[in-house]
Amino acid sequence: MKKGKYISDLYKEIEKKSFNVKEAINFFIDKKRDKFDETIEISMNLGIDPRHADQMVRGVVSLPNGNGKTMKVAVFAKDKKAEEAKEAGADIVGAEELAEDMQNGNMNYDRIIATPDMMGVVGRIGKILGPKGLMPNPKLGTVTVDVKVAVEAAKSGQVQYRAEKNGIVQAGIGKISFGSDKLVENVNSFIEAIQKARPSGAKGTFIKNISISSTMGVGININI
């Protein structure tokens, strides 16, 4: 079946139907493509204006079943902390030479972690890291002396989230191959994390809309 007809048929099936989380997940599993392990993604429309500091939603959540993504992690550290990072599974560990390598365009990383004493070095390439969402941040646990825990968390499927300018937060929360129970557990954990992250400046309805989608499929609005 061609993709256009495939998507069109899916929309016809969900039209005028109401879904909870488990029903939506089961729908995607039932309609999965045989040769492709699709990613399940969640999108939440929040009643916030991220342009105001007291309405920003940003943080991390460790999904109980991981997110199925192989994370490539770079760590800025020296001496003993560098050894800890390597032992924890960091893909690359360095200092000035790593910053220079990134400045030359080698930016194929999903998470960048730094010890506090290395932030002077990292700051030199902040203009490169910032727009890519890779700048280490103590609030996200990526500026820390405990690099072992930070690397292991990143490798285990810890997800960072940040509200976009339109108030939408989105993230990949697993693969179709996880099965229904694990995906539902991940979705609920993510939603709970966002609820707990409600900023002080948020007024009225905080979670306006939740939708779940698959890589090759459609988006399904979830009953809140």
N, C-alpha and C. Protein backbone atom coordinates (compact mmCIF):
# COMPACT_ATOMS: atom_id res chain seq x y z
N MET A 1 0.84 -1.19 0.00
CA MET A 1 0.00 0.00 0.00
C MET A 1 0.88 1.25 0.00
N LYS A 2 0.57 2.17 -0.91
CA LYS A 2 1.34 3.40 -0.98
C LYS A 2 1.10 4.23 0.27
N LYS A 3 2.12 5.02 0.64
CA LYS A 3 2.04 5.80 1.87
C LYS A 3 0.84 6.72 1.89
N GLY A 4 0.54 7.38 0.74
CA GLY A 4 -0.59 8.30 0.71
C GLY A 4 -1.90 7.62 1.05
N LYS A 5 -2.15 6.47 0.45
CA LYS A 5 -3.39 5.73 0.72
C LYS A 5 -3.37 5.17 2.13
N TYR A 6 -2.19 4.74 2.57
CA TYR A 6 -2.04 4.18 3.93
C TYR A 6 -2.46 5.22 4.97
N ILE A 7 -1.93 6.44 4.86
CA ILE A 7 -2.25 7.51 5.80
C ILE A 7 -3.72 7.89 5.68
N SER A 8 -4.22 7.99 4.46
CA SER A 8 -5.61 8.36 4.23
C SER A 8 -6.56 7.35 4.90
N ASP A 9 -6.24 6.08 4.77
CA ASP A 9 -7.07 5.03 5.38
C ASP A 9 -7.03 5.09 6.90
N LEU A 10 -5.84 5.42 7.45
CA LEU A 10 -5.72 5.55 8.91
C LEU A 10 -6.59 6.69 9.42
N TYR A 11 -6.57 7.82 8.72
CA TYR A 11 -7.40 8.96 9.14
C TYR A 11 -8.88 8.61 9.12
N LYS A 12 -9.29 7.81 8.14
CA LYS A 12 -10.69 7.40 8.07
C LYS A 12 -11.07 6.55 9.28
N GLU A 13 -10.12 5.73 9.74
CA GLU A 13 -10.39 4.85 10.87
C GLU A 13 -10.50 5.60 12.19
N ILE A 14 -9.74 6.68 12.35
CA ILE A 14 -9.77 7.40 13.63
C ILE A 14 -10.79 8.53 13.65
N GLU A 15 -11.34 8.83 12.47
CA GLU A 15 -12.30 9.93 12.38
C GLU A 15 -13.50 9.68 13.28
N LYS A 16 -13.85 10.69 14.08
CA LYS A 16 -15.02 10.66 14.98
C LYS A 16 -14.89 9.64 16.09
N LYS A 17 -13.70 9.10 16.30
CA LYS A 17 -13.49 8.17 17.41
C LYS A 17 -12.82 8.89 18.57
N SER A 18 -12.98 8.34 19.76
CA SER A 18 -12.36 8.89 20.95
C SER A 18 -11.38 7.85 21.50
N PHE A 19 -10.18 8.31 21.87
CA PHE A 19 -9.13 7.39 22.30
C PHE A 19 -8.58 7.78 23.67
N ASN A 20 -8.31 6.76 24.50
CA ASN A 20 -7.45 6.98 25.66
C ASN A 20 -6.04 6.55 25.27
N VAL A 21 -5.09 6.65 26.19
CA VAL A 21 -3.70 6.35 25.86
C VAL A 21 -3.54 4.92 25.36
N LYS A 22 -4.08 3.97 26.09
CA LYS A 22 -3.90 2.56 25.72
C LYS A 22 -4.53 2.25 24.36
N GLU A 23 -5.71 2.81 24.10
CA GLU A 23 -6.37 2.57 22.83
C GLU A 23 -5.56 3.14 21.67
N ALA A 24 -4.97 4.31 21.86
CA ALA A 24 -4.14 4.91 20.80
C ALA A 24 -2.90 4.08 20.54
N ILE A 25 -2.24 3.65 21.61
CA ILE A 25 -1.04 2.81 21.46
C ILE A 25 -1.38 1.51 20.74
N ASN A 26 -2.47 0.88 21.13
CA ASN A 26 -2.86 -0.38 20.49
C ASN A 26 -3.21 -0.18 19.02
N PHE A 27 -3.77 0.98 18.69
CA PHE A 27 -4.09 1.29 17.30
C PHE A 27 -2.80 1.31 16.47
N PHE A 28 -1.77 1.98 16.96
CA PHE A 28 -0.51 2.05 16.23
C PHE A 28 0.16 0.68 16.12
N ILE A 29 0.05 -0.11 17.16
CA ILE A 29 0.63 -1.46 17.12
C ILE A 29 -0.09 -2.31 16.10
N ASP A 30 -1.41 -2.21 16.06
CA ASP A 30 -2.20 -2.99 15.09
C ASP A 30 -1.89 -2.58 13.65
N LYS A 31 -1.56 -1.30 13.44
CA LYS A 31 -1.34 -0.79 12.09
C LYS A 31 0.15 -0.66 11.75
N LYS A 32 1.01 -1.25 12.52
CA LYS A 32 2.45 -1.07 12.32
C LYS A 32 2.92 -1.60 10.97
N ARG A 33 4.00 -1.01 10.48
CA ARG A 33 4.64 -1.48 9.25
C ARG A 33 5.56 -2.64 9.59
N ASP A 34 5.54 -3.68 8.81
CA ASP A 34 6.29 -4.90 9.11
C ASP A 34 7.80 -4.71 9.10
N LYS A 35 8.30 -3.85 8.23
CA LYS A 35 9.75 -3.75 8.04
C LYS A 35 10.37 -2.54 8.74
N PHE A 36 9.62 -1.88 9.59
CA PHE A 36 10.14 -0.66 10.21
C PHE A 36 9.65 -0.54 11.64
N ASP A 37 10.58 -0.42 12.58
CA ASP A 37 10.23 -0.28 13.99
C ASP A 37 9.99 1.20 14.28
N GLU A 38 8.76 1.62 14.16
CA GLU A 38 8.42 3.03 14.28
C GLU A 38 8.62 3.57 15.70
N THR A 39 8.92 4.86 15.77
CA THR A 39 9.00 5.56 17.05
C THR A 39 7.63 6.12 17.39
N ILE A 40 7.23 5.97 18.64
CA ILE A 40 5.99 6.57 19.12
C ILE A 40 6.35 7.91 19.76
N GLU A 41 5.66 8.95 19.37
CA GLU A 41 5.95 10.30 19.87
C GLU A 41 4.74 10.90 20.55
N ILE A 42 5.01 11.74 21.53
CA ILE A 42 3.93 12.43 22.23
C ILE A 42 4.12 13.93 22.04
N SER A 43 3.01 14.63 21.89
CA SER A 43 3.03 16.08 21.76
C SER A 43 1.97 16.65 22.71
N MET A 44 2.37 17.63 23.52
CA MET A 44 1.45 18.22 24.50
C MET A 44 1.39 19.73 24.29
N ASN A 45 0.19 20.23 24.10
CA ASN A 45 -0.03 21.66 23.94
C ASN A 45 -0.36 22.25 25.31
N LEU A 46 0.51 23.10 25.82
CA LEU A 46 0.36 23.63 27.18
C LEU A 46 -0.14 25.06 27.19
N GLY A 47 -0.87 25.40 28.22
CA GLY A 47 -1.39 26.75 28.37
C GLY A 47 -0.36 27.68 28.99
N ILE A 48 0.72 27.92 28.27
CA ILE A 48 1.81 28.76 28.76
C ILE A 48 2.32 29.66 27.63
N ASP A 49 3.07 30.67 28.01
CA ASP A 49 3.78 31.51 27.06
C ASP A 49 5.26 31.46 27.45
N PRO A 50 6.05 30.58 26.81
CA PRO A 50 7.45 30.38 27.19
C PRO A 50 8.33 31.61 27.08
N ARG A 51 7.81 32.68 26.48
CA ARG A 51 8.59 33.91 26.40
C ARG A 51 8.76 34.55 27.77
N HIS A 52 7.89 34.16 28.71
CA HIS A 52 7.97 34.67 30.08
C HIS A 52 8.72 33.64 30.94
N ALA A 53 9.69 34.10 31.69
CA ALA A 53 10.54 33.20 32.48
C ALA A 53 9.75 32.35 33.46
N ASP A 54 8.65 32.90 34.00
CA ASP A 54 7.88 32.14 34.99
C ASP A 54 6.87 31.20 34.35
N GLN A 55 6.93 31.05 33.02
CA GLN A 55 6.05 30.11 32.33
C GLN A 55 6.83 29.09 31.50
N MET A 56 8.13 29.04 31.70
CA MET A 56 8.95 28.10 30.94
C MET A 56 8.82 26.69 31.50
N VAL A 57 8.71 25.73 30.62
CA VAL A 57 8.65 24.32 31.01
C VAL A 57 9.85 23.62 30.38
N ARG A 58 10.75 23.14 31.23
CA ARG A 58 11.96 22.48 30.74
C ARG A 58 12.47 21.51 31.80
N GLY A 59 12.93 20.36 31.37
CA GLY A 59 13.45 19.40 32.34
C GLY A 59 13.83 18.09 31.70
N VAL A 60 13.96 17.07 32.53
CA VAL A 60 14.31 15.74 32.06
C VAL A 60 13.40 14.72 32.74
N VAL A 61 13.19 13.62 32.07
CA VAL A 61 12.42 12.53 32.66
C VAL A 61 13.06 11.21 32.24
N SER A 62 13.24 10.33 33.21
CA SER A 62 13.76 8.99 32.93
C SER A 62 12.58 8.07 32.70
N LEU A 63 12.37 7.67 31.47
CA LEU A 63 11.25 6.79 31.14
C LEU A 63 11.52 5.40 31.71
N PRO A 64 10.53 4.76 32.31
CA PRO A 64 10.73 3.47 32.96
C PRO A 64 11.25 2.38 32.03
N ASN A 65 10.97 2.51 30.73
CA ASN A 65 11.40 1.49 29.78
C ASN A 65 12.35 2.04 28.72
N GLY A 66 12.95 3.21 28.99
CA GLY A 66 13.84 3.83 28.01
C GLY A 66 13.04 4.33 26.82
N ASN A 67 13.73 4.93 25.86
CA ASN A 67 13.02 5.44 24.68
C ASN A 67 13.43 4.73 23.39
N GLY A 68 14.30 3.73 23.51
CA GLY A 68 14.68 2.94 22.34
C GLY A 68 15.70 3.59 21.44
N LYS A 69 16.19 4.77 21.84
CA LYS A 69 17.16 5.48 21.02
C LYS A 69 18.57 5.26 21.56
N THR A 70 19.51 5.01 20.66
CA THR A 70 20.91 4.90 21.06
C THR A 70 21.49 6.29 21.16
N MET A 71 21.82 6.70 22.37
CA MET A 71 22.30 8.06 22.62
C MET A 71 23.81 8.13 22.48
N LYS A 72 24.27 9.12 21.72
CA LYS A 72 25.69 9.37 21.60
C LYS A 72 26.05 10.52 22.54
N VAL A 73 26.89 10.22 23.52
CA VAL A 73 27.16 11.16 24.61
C VAL A 73 28.60 11.63 24.61
N ALA A 74 28.78 12.95 24.67
CA ALA A 74 30.12 13.56 24.78
C ALA A 74 30.25 14.18 26.17
N VAL A 75 31.42 14.06 26.76
CA VAL A 75 31.64 14.59 28.11
C VAL A 75 32.89 15.46 28.15
N PHE A 76 32.73 16.64 28.73
CA PHE A 76 33.87 17.52 28.98
C PHE A 76 34.32 17.27 30.42
N ALA A 77 35.48 16.67 30.56
CA ALA A 77 36.01 16.36 31.89
C ALA A 77 37.49 16.07 31.80
N LYS A 78 38.17 16.13 32.93
CA LYS A 78 39.60 15.84 32.98
C LYS A 78 39.91 14.85 34.10
N ASP A 79 41.06 14.23 33.97
CA ASP A 79 41.63 13.38 35.02
C ASP A 79 40.65 12.30 35.51
N LYS A 80 40.40 12.26 36.81
CA LYS A 80 39.58 11.20 37.38
C LYS A 80 38.16 11.21 36.83
N LYS A 81 37.60 12.39 36.66
CA LYS A 81 36.23 12.50 36.15
C LYS A 81 36.15 12.03 34.70
N ALA A 82 37.21 12.24 33.95
CA ALA A 82 37.25 11.76 32.57
C ALA A 82 37.22 10.23 32.55
N GLU A 83 37.96 9.62 33.46
CA GLU A 83 37.99 8.16 33.55
C GLU A 83 36.62 7.63 33.95
N GLU A 84 35.95 8.31 34.88
CA GLU A 84 34.61 7.89 35.30
C GLU A 84 33.63 7.94 34.13
N ALA A 85 33.73 8.99 33.33
CA ALA A 85 32.85 9.14 32.18
C ALA A 85 33.06 8.02 31.17
N LYS A 86 34.32 7.68 30.92
CA LYS A 86 34.64 6.61 29.98
C LYS A 86 34.10 5.28 30.47
N GLU A 87 34.30 5.01 31.76
CA GLU A 87 33.83 3.75 32.34
C GLU A 87 32.30 3.65 32.32
N ALA A 88 31.63 4.80 32.39
CA ALA A 88 30.16 4.82 32.38
C ALA A 88 29.58 4.64 30.98
N GLY A 89 30.45 4.72 29.95
CA GLY A 89 29.98 4.49 28.59
C GLY A 89 29.92 5.69 27.68
N ALA A 90 30.55 6.81 28.09
CA ALA A 90 30.56 7.99 27.23
C ALA A 90 31.23 7.66 25.89
N ASP A 91 30.72 8.22 24.81
CA ASP A 91 31.27 7.93 23.49
C ASP A 91 32.57 8.67 23.24
N ILE A 92 32.69 9.86 23.84
CA ILE A 92 33.93 10.62 23.71
C ILE A 92 34.08 11.51 24.94
N VAL A 93 35.30 11.63 25.41
CA VAL A 93 35.60 12.45 26.58
C VAL A 93 36.81 13.32 26.25
N GLY A 94 36.73 14.59 26.60
CA GLY A 94 37.85 15.48 26.31
C GLY A 94 37.71 16.82 26.98
N ALA A 95 38.55 17.75 26.57
CA ALA A 95 38.53 19.10 27.13
C ALA A 95 38.68 20.10 25.98
N GLU A 96 39.79 20.84 25.97
CA GLU A 96 39.99 21.85 24.93
C GLU A 96 39.97 21.25 23.53
N GLU A 97 40.57 20.06 23.38
CA GLU A 97 40.63 19.44 22.06
C GLU A 97 39.24 19.02 21.59
N LEU A 98 38.36 18.63 22.53
CA LEU A 98 36.99 18.26 22.17
C LEU A 98 36.21 19.50 21.74
N ALA A 99 36.41 20.60 22.43
CA ALA A 99 35.75 21.85 22.05
C ALA A 99 36.18 22.29 20.66
N GLU A 100 37.45 22.14 20.38
CA GLU A 100 37.98 22.52 19.06
C GLU A 100 37.39 21.63 17.97
N ASP A 101 37.26 20.34 18.29
CA ASP A 101 36.69 19.39 17.34
C ASP A 101 35.23 19.76 17.02
N MET A 102 34.49 20.15 18.05
CA MET A 102 33.10 20.55 17.83
C MET A 102 33.03 21.85 17.04
N GLN A 103 33.95 22.74 17.32
CA GLN A 103 33.99 24.02 16.60
C GLN A 103 34.26 23.81 15.12
N ASN A 104 34.94 22.72 14.81
CA ASN A 104 35.25 22.38 13.42
C ASN A 104 34.10 21.65 12.72
N GLY A 105 32.98 21.49 13.46
CA GLY A 105 31.80 20.91 12.83
C GLY A 105 31.43 19.51 13.24
N ASN A 106 32.22 18.89 14.07
CA ASN A 106 31.91 17.52 14.51
C ASN A 106 30.93 17.58 15.68
N MET A 107 29.63 17.58 15.35
CA MET A 107 28.59 17.79 16.36
C MET A 107 27.57 16.65 16.40
N ASN A 108 27.99 15.46 16.05
CA ASN A 108 27.07 14.33 15.99
C ASN A 108 26.86 13.71 17.37
N TYR A 109 26.26 14.49 18.28
CA TYR A 109 26.02 14.02 19.64
C TYR A 109 24.57 14.31 20.03
N ASP A 110 24.03 13.44 20.88
CA ASP A 110 22.66 13.61 21.37
C ASP A 110 22.63 14.28 22.74
N ARG A 111 23.71 14.19 23.49
CA ARG A 111 23.77 14.77 24.82
C ARG A 111 25.20 15.17 25.12
N ILE A 112 25.39 16.36 25.67
CA ILE A 112 26.71 16.83 26.07
C ILE A 112 26.69 17.14 27.56
N ILE A 113 27.63 16.55 28.27
CA ILE A 113 27.73 16.66 29.72
C ILE A 113 29.07 17.30 30.06
N ALA A 114 29.10 18.08 31.13
CA ALA A 114 30.35 18.73 31.53
C ALA A 114 30.46 18.82 33.05
N THR A 115 31.67 18.70 33.56
CA THR A 115 31.90 18.98 34.97
C THR A 115 31.95 20.50 35.12
N PRO A 116 31.60 21.02 36.31
CA PRO A 116 31.56 22.48 36.51
C PRO A 116 32.86 23.20 36.13
N ASP A 117 34.00 22.57 36.40
CA ASP A 117 35.28 23.22 36.12
C ASP A 117 35.58 23.33 34.63
N MET A 118 34.78 22.64 33.80
CA MET A 118 35.01 22.67 32.35
C MET A 118 34.09 23.65 31.63
N MET A 119 33.23 24.35 32.38
CA MET A 119 32.26 25.23 31.72
C MET A 119 32.92 26.44 31.06
N GLY A 120 34.11 26.80 31.51
CA GLY A 120 34.84 27.88 30.84
C GLY A 120 35.18 27.49 29.41
N VAL A 121 35.57 26.24 29.24
CA VAL A 121 35.89 25.72 27.90
C VAL A 121 34.62 25.57 27.07
N VAL A 122 33.60 24.99 27.70
CA VAL A 122 32.33 24.78 26.98
C VAL A 122 31.72 26.12 26.56
N GLY A 123 31.85 27.12 27.40
CA GLY A 123 31.27 28.43 27.10
C GLY A 123 31.78 29.03 25.81
N ARG A 124 33.00 28.67 25.43
CA ARG A 124 33.59 29.21 24.19
C ARG A 124 32.82 28.77 22.95
N ILE A 125 32.14 27.63 23.06
CA ILE A 125 31.39 27.13 21.90
C ILE A 125 29.88 27.16 22.18
N GLY A 126 29.50 28.00 23.13
CA GLY A 126 28.08 28.11 23.49
C GLY A 126 27.20 28.51 22.33
N LYS A 127 27.71 29.35 21.42
CA LYS A 127 26.93 29.79 20.27
C LYS A 127 26.65 28.65 19.30
N ILE A 128 27.47 27.61 19.39
CA ILE A 128 27.25 26.44 18.54
C ILE A 128 26.31 25.46 19.23
N LEU A 129 26.53 25.25 20.52
CA LEU A 129 25.75 24.27 21.26
C LEU A 129 24.32 24.74 21.55
N GLY A 130 24.17 26.03 21.88
CA GLY A 130 22.86 26.55 22.27
C GLY A 130 21.76 26.31 21.26
N PRO A 131 21.93 26.72 20.00
CA PRO A 131 20.87 26.53 19.00
C PRO A 131 20.51 25.07 18.75
N LYS A 132 21.43 24.16 19.06
CA LYS A 132 21.17 22.74 18.87
C LYS A 132 20.58 22.08 20.11
N GLY A 133 20.39 22.87 21.17
CA GLY A 133 19.84 22.33 22.41
C GLY A 133 20.80 21.42 23.15
N LEU A 134 22.10 21.62 22.91
CA LEU A 134 23.12 20.73 23.50
C LEU A 134 23.93 21.38 24.61
N MET A 135 23.68 22.65 24.91
CA MET A 135 24.46 23.34 25.93
C MET A 135 24.22 22.70 27.30
N PRO A 136 25.27 22.25 27.97
CA PRO A 136 25.11 21.66 29.31
C PRO A 136 24.45 22.65 30.25
N ASN A 137 23.58 22.11 31.11
CA ASN A 137 22.79 22.96 32.00
C ASN A 137 22.63 22.25 33.34
N PRO A 138 22.98 22.90 34.45
CA PRO A 138 22.85 22.24 35.76
C PRO A 138 21.42 21.84 36.09
N LYS A 139 20.42 22.59 35.58
CA LYS A 139 19.02 22.26 35.84
C LYS A 139 18.59 20.97 35.16
N LEU A 140 19.33 20.60 34.13
CA LEU A 140 19.03 19.36 33.40
C LEU A 140 19.96 18.22 33.81
N GLY A 141 20.82 18.50 34.76
CA GLY A 141 21.74 17.47 35.23
C GLY A 141 22.90 17.20 34.31
N THR A 142 23.14 18.11 33.36
CA THR A 142 24.24 17.91 32.41
C THR A 142 25.48 18.73 32.75
N VAL A 143 25.40 19.54 33.79
CA VAL A 143 26.58 20.15 34.41
C VAL A 143 26.65 19.55 35.81
N THR A 144 27.57 18.66 36.05
CA THR A 144 27.58 17.91 37.30
C THR A 144 28.96 17.32 37.58
N VAL A 145 29.25 17.12 38.85
CA VAL A 145 30.49 16.42 39.22
C VAL A 145 30.28 14.92 39.13
N ASP A 146 29.01 14.49 39.16
CA ASP A 146 28.71 13.06 39.10
C ASP A 146 28.47 12.65 37.65
N VAL A 147 29.54 12.64 36.89
CA VAL A 147 29.41 12.34 35.46
C VAL A 147 28.97 10.90 35.21
N LYS A 148 29.31 10.02 36.10
CA LYS A 148 28.92 8.60 35.94
C LYS A 148 27.40 8.48 35.89
N VAL A 149 26.72 9.10 36.86
CA VAL A 149 25.26 9.05 36.90
C VAL A 149 24.65 9.73 35.68
N ALA A 150 25.21 10.87 35.28
CA ALA A 150 24.68 11.62 34.14
C ALA A 150 24.81 10.83 32.84
N VAL A 151 25.96 10.19 32.64
CA VAL A 151 26.17 9.40 31.42
C VAL A 151 25.24 8.19 31.41
N GLU A 152 25.15 7.49 32.53
CA GLU A 152 24.29 6.31 32.61
C GLU A 152 22.82 6.67 32.38
N ALA A 153 22.40 7.83 32.91
CA ALA A 153 21.02 8.27 32.72
C ALA A 153 20.75 8.56 31.25
N ALA A 154 21.68 9.24 30.59
CA ALA A 154 21.52 9.55 29.17
C ALA A 154 21.46 8.27 28.33
N LYS A 155 22.32 7.34 28.65
CA LYS A 155 22.39 6.09 27.89
C LYS A 155 21.16 5.19 28.12
N SER A 156 20.51 5.36 29.27
CA SER A 156 19.37 4.50 29.61
C SER A 156 18.06 5.00 29.01
N GLY A 157 18.09 6.15 28.36
CA GLY A 157 16.87 6.64 27.72
C GLY A 157 16.24 7.82 28.41
N GLN A 158 17.01 8.55 29.20
CA GLN A 158 16.50 9.77 29.82
C GLN A 158 16.16 10.79 28.72
N VAL A 159 15.00 11.40 28.82
CA VAL A 159 14.52 12.32 27.79
C VAL A 159 14.52 13.75 28.31
N GLN A 160 15.10 14.65 27.54
CA GLN A 160 15.03 16.08 27.86
C GLN A 160 13.82 16.67 27.12
N TYR A 161 13.14 17.60 27.77
CA TYR A 161 12.01 18.26 27.11
C TYR A 161 12.09 19.75 27.35
N ARG A 162 11.56 20.50 26.42
CA ARG A 162 11.53 21.96 26.52
C ARG A 162 10.38 22.50 25.70
N ALA A 163 9.59 23.37 26.30
CA ALA A 163 8.46 23.95 25.59
C ALA A 163 8.94 24.87 24.47
N GLU A 164 8.38 24.69 23.28
CA GLU A 164 8.69 25.56 22.16
C GLU A 164 7.93 26.87 22.33
N LYS A 165 8.20 27.84 21.46
CA LYS A 165 7.61 29.17 21.60
C LYS A 165 6.09 29.17 21.53
N ASN A 166 5.51 28.13 20.92
CA ASN A 166 4.05 28.04 20.85
C ASN A 166 3.47 27.23 22.01
N GLY A 167 4.31 26.89 23.00
CA GLY A 167 3.83 26.17 24.17
C GLY A 167 3.70 24.68 24.00
N ILE A 168 4.32 24.13 22.96
CA ILE A 168 4.23 22.69 22.71
C ILE A 168 5.49 21.97 23.19
N VAL A 169 5.27 20.86 23.90
CA VAL A 169 6.36 19.99 24.33
C VAL A 169 6.18 18.66 23.62
N GLN A 170 7.27 18.15 23.04
CA GLN A 170 7.15 16.86 22.35
C GLN A 170 8.40 16.02 22.57
N ALA A 171 8.22 14.71 22.46
CA ALA A 171 9.34 13.80 22.69
C ALA A 171 9.02 12.42 22.14
N GLY A 172 10.07 11.68 21.79
CA GLY A 172 9.91 10.28 21.43
C GLY A 172 9.89 9.47 22.70
N ILE A 173 8.90 8.58 22.85
CA ILE A 173 8.79 7.86 24.11
C ILE A 173 8.89 6.33 23.97
N GLY A 174 9.38 5.87 22.82
CA GLY A 174 9.58 4.43 22.68
C GLY A 174 9.37 3.94 21.26
N LYS A 175 9.60 2.65 21.08
CA LYS A 175 9.44 2.01 19.78
C LYS A 175 8.23 1.08 19.79
N ILE A 176 7.64 0.89 18.62
CA ILE A 176 6.50 -0.01 18.48
C ILE A 176 6.82 -1.38 19.08
N SER A 177 8.07 -1.83 18.90
CA SER A 177 8.47 -3.16 19.38
C SER A 177 8.43 -3.29 20.90
N PHE A 178 8.33 -2.18 21.62
CA PHE A 178 8.24 -2.24 23.09
C PHE A 178 6.99 -3.00 23.52
N GLY A 179 5.93 -2.90 22.72
CA GLY A 179 4.66 -3.49 23.12
C GLY A 179 3.79 -2.51 23.88
N SER A 180 2.53 -2.83 24.00
CA SER A 180 1.54 -1.92 24.56
C SER A 180 1.83 -1.50 25.99
N ASP A 181 2.08 -2.45 26.89
CA ASP A 181 2.22 -2.12 28.31
C ASP A 181 3.37 -1.17 28.57
N LYS A 182 4.52 -1.42 27.95
CA LYS A 182 5.70 -0.57 28.19
C LYS A 182 5.50 0.83 27.59
N LEU A 183 4.86 0.90 26.43
CA LEU A 183 4.63 2.20 25.81
C LEU A 183 3.64 3.03 26.62
N VAL A 184 2.58 2.39 27.11
CA VAL A 184 1.60 3.09 27.94
C VAL A 184 2.26 3.60 29.21
N GLU A 185 3.12 2.78 29.80
CA GLU A 185 3.83 3.18 31.01
C GLU A 185 4.72 4.39 30.75
N ASN A 186 5.42 4.38 29.61
CA ASN A 186 6.27 5.51 29.24
C ASN A 186 5.46 6.79 29.01
N VAL A 187 4.35 6.67 28.29
CA VAL A 187 3.50 7.83 28.03
C VAL A 187 3.00 8.44 29.33
N ASN A 188 2.50 7.60 30.22
CA ASN A 188 1.97 8.09 31.48
C ASN A 188 3.06 8.75 32.34
N SER A 189 4.27 8.20 32.29
CA SER A 189 5.39 8.78 33.04
C SER A 189 5.74 10.15 32.50
N PHE A 190 5.71 10.29 31.17
CA PHE A 190 6.03 11.58 30.56
C PHE A 190 4.97 12.62 30.92
N ILE A 191 3.71 12.24 30.81
CA ILE A 191 2.62 13.17 31.14
C ILE A 191 2.71 13.60 32.60
N GLU A 192 3.00 12.66 33.49
CA GLU A 192 3.13 12.97 34.91
C GLU A 192 4.28 13.95 35.16
N ALA A 193 5.39 13.75 34.44
CA ALA A 193 6.54 14.65 34.59
C ALA A 193 6.19 16.07 34.16
N ILE A 194 5.43 16.20 33.08
CA ILE A 194 5.03 17.52 32.61
C ILE A 194 4.07 18.17 33.61
N GLN A 195 3.15 17.39 34.15
CA GLN A 195 2.22 17.93 35.14
C GLN A 195 2.99 18.48 36.35
N LYS A 196 4.00 17.75 36.79
CA LYS A 196 4.79 18.17 37.94
C LYS A 196 5.65 19.40 37.62
N ALA A 197 5.91 19.62 36.34
CA ALA A 197 6.75 20.74 35.92
C ALA A 197 5.95 22.01 35.68
N ARG A 198 4.67 22.00 36.06
CA ARG A 198 3.84 23.20 35.84
C ARG A 198 4.49 24.42 36.47
N PRO A 199 4.77 25.45 35.68
CA PRO A 199 5.45 26.64 36.22
C PRO A 199 4.52 27.53 37.03
N SER A 200 5.10 28.35 37.87
CA SER A 200 4.31 29.21 38.76
C SER A 200 3.46 30.21 37.99
N GLY A 201 3.92 30.61 36.80
CA GLY A 201 3.20 31.62 36.03
C GLY A 201 2.06 31.08 35.19
N ALA A 202 1.89 29.76 35.14
CA ALA A 202 0.83 29.17 34.32
C ALA A 202 -0.53 29.42 34.94
N LYS A 203 -1.46 29.96 34.18
CA LYS A 203 -2.80 30.25 34.66
C LYS A 203 -3.83 29.44 33.86
N GLY A 204 -4.93 29.11 34.50
CA GLY A 204 -5.99 28.39 33.80
C GLY A 204 -5.60 26.96 33.48
N THR A 205 -6.12 26.45 32.37
CA THR A 205 -5.86 25.07 31.97
C THR A 205 -4.40 24.91 31.56
N PHE A 206 -3.68 24.00 32.20
CA PHE A 206 -2.27 23.81 31.90
C PHE A 206 -2.07 22.90 30.70
N ILE A 207 -2.67 21.71 30.72
CA ILE A 207 -2.55 20.78 29.59
C ILE A 207 -3.81 20.91 28.73
N LYS A 208 -3.65 21.53 27.56
CA LYS A 208 -4.78 21.79 26.68
C LYS A 208 -5.08 20.61 25.76
N ASN A 209 -4.03 19.96 25.31
CA ASN A 209 -4.22 18.89 24.34
C ASN A 209 -3.04 17.93 24.39
N ILE A 210 -3.33 16.65 24.20
CA ILE A 210 -2.29 15.63 24.11
C ILE A 210 -2.54 14.80 22.86
N SER A 211 -1.52 14.60 22.05
CA SER A 211 -1.66 13.72 20.89
C SER A 211 -0.49 12.75 20.84
N ILE A 212 -0.76 11.60 20.30
CA ILE A 212 0.26 10.56 20.14
C ILE A 212 0.32 10.20 18.66
N SER A 213 1.53 10.03 18.15
CA SER A 213 1.70 9.70 16.74
C SER A 213 2.80 8.67 16.58
N SER A 214 2.88 8.10 15.39
CA SER A 214 3.97 7.19 15.06
C SER A 214 4.72 7.75 13.87
N THR A 215 5.94 7.27 13.65
CA THR A 215 6.78 7.78 12.58
C THR A 215 6.08 7.74 11.22
N MET A 216 5.41 6.64 10.93
CA MET A 216 4.80 6.44 9.62
C MET A 216 3.28 6.64 9.65
N GLY A 217 2.76 7.03 10.84
CA GLY A 217 1.31 7.07 10.96
C GLY A 217 0.73 8.45 11.12
N VAL A 218 -0.40 8.50 11.81
CA VAL A 218 -1.15 9.74 11.98
C VAL A 218 -1.04 10.18 13.45
N GLY A 219 -1.57 11.36 13.73
CA GLY A 219 -1.62 11.83 15.11
C GLY A 219 -3.01 11.59 15.67
N ILE A 220 -3.05 11.06 16.90
CA ILE A 220 -4.33 10.78 17.55
C ILE A 220 -4.44 11.63 18.80
N ASN A 221 -5.52 12.42 18.88
CA ASN A 221 -5.78 13.21 20.09
C ASN A 221 -6.27 12.30 21.21
N ILE A 222 -5.73 12.55 22.40
CA ILE A 222 -6.04 11.71 23.55
C ILE A 222 -7.01 12.43 24.48
N ASN A 223 -7.97 11.68 25.01
CA ASN A 223 -8.87 12.24 26.01
C ASN A 223 -8.07 12.60 27.25
N ILE A 224 -8.24 13.82 27.72
CA ILE A 224 -7.55 14.23 28.94
C ILE A 224 -8.47 14.01 30.13
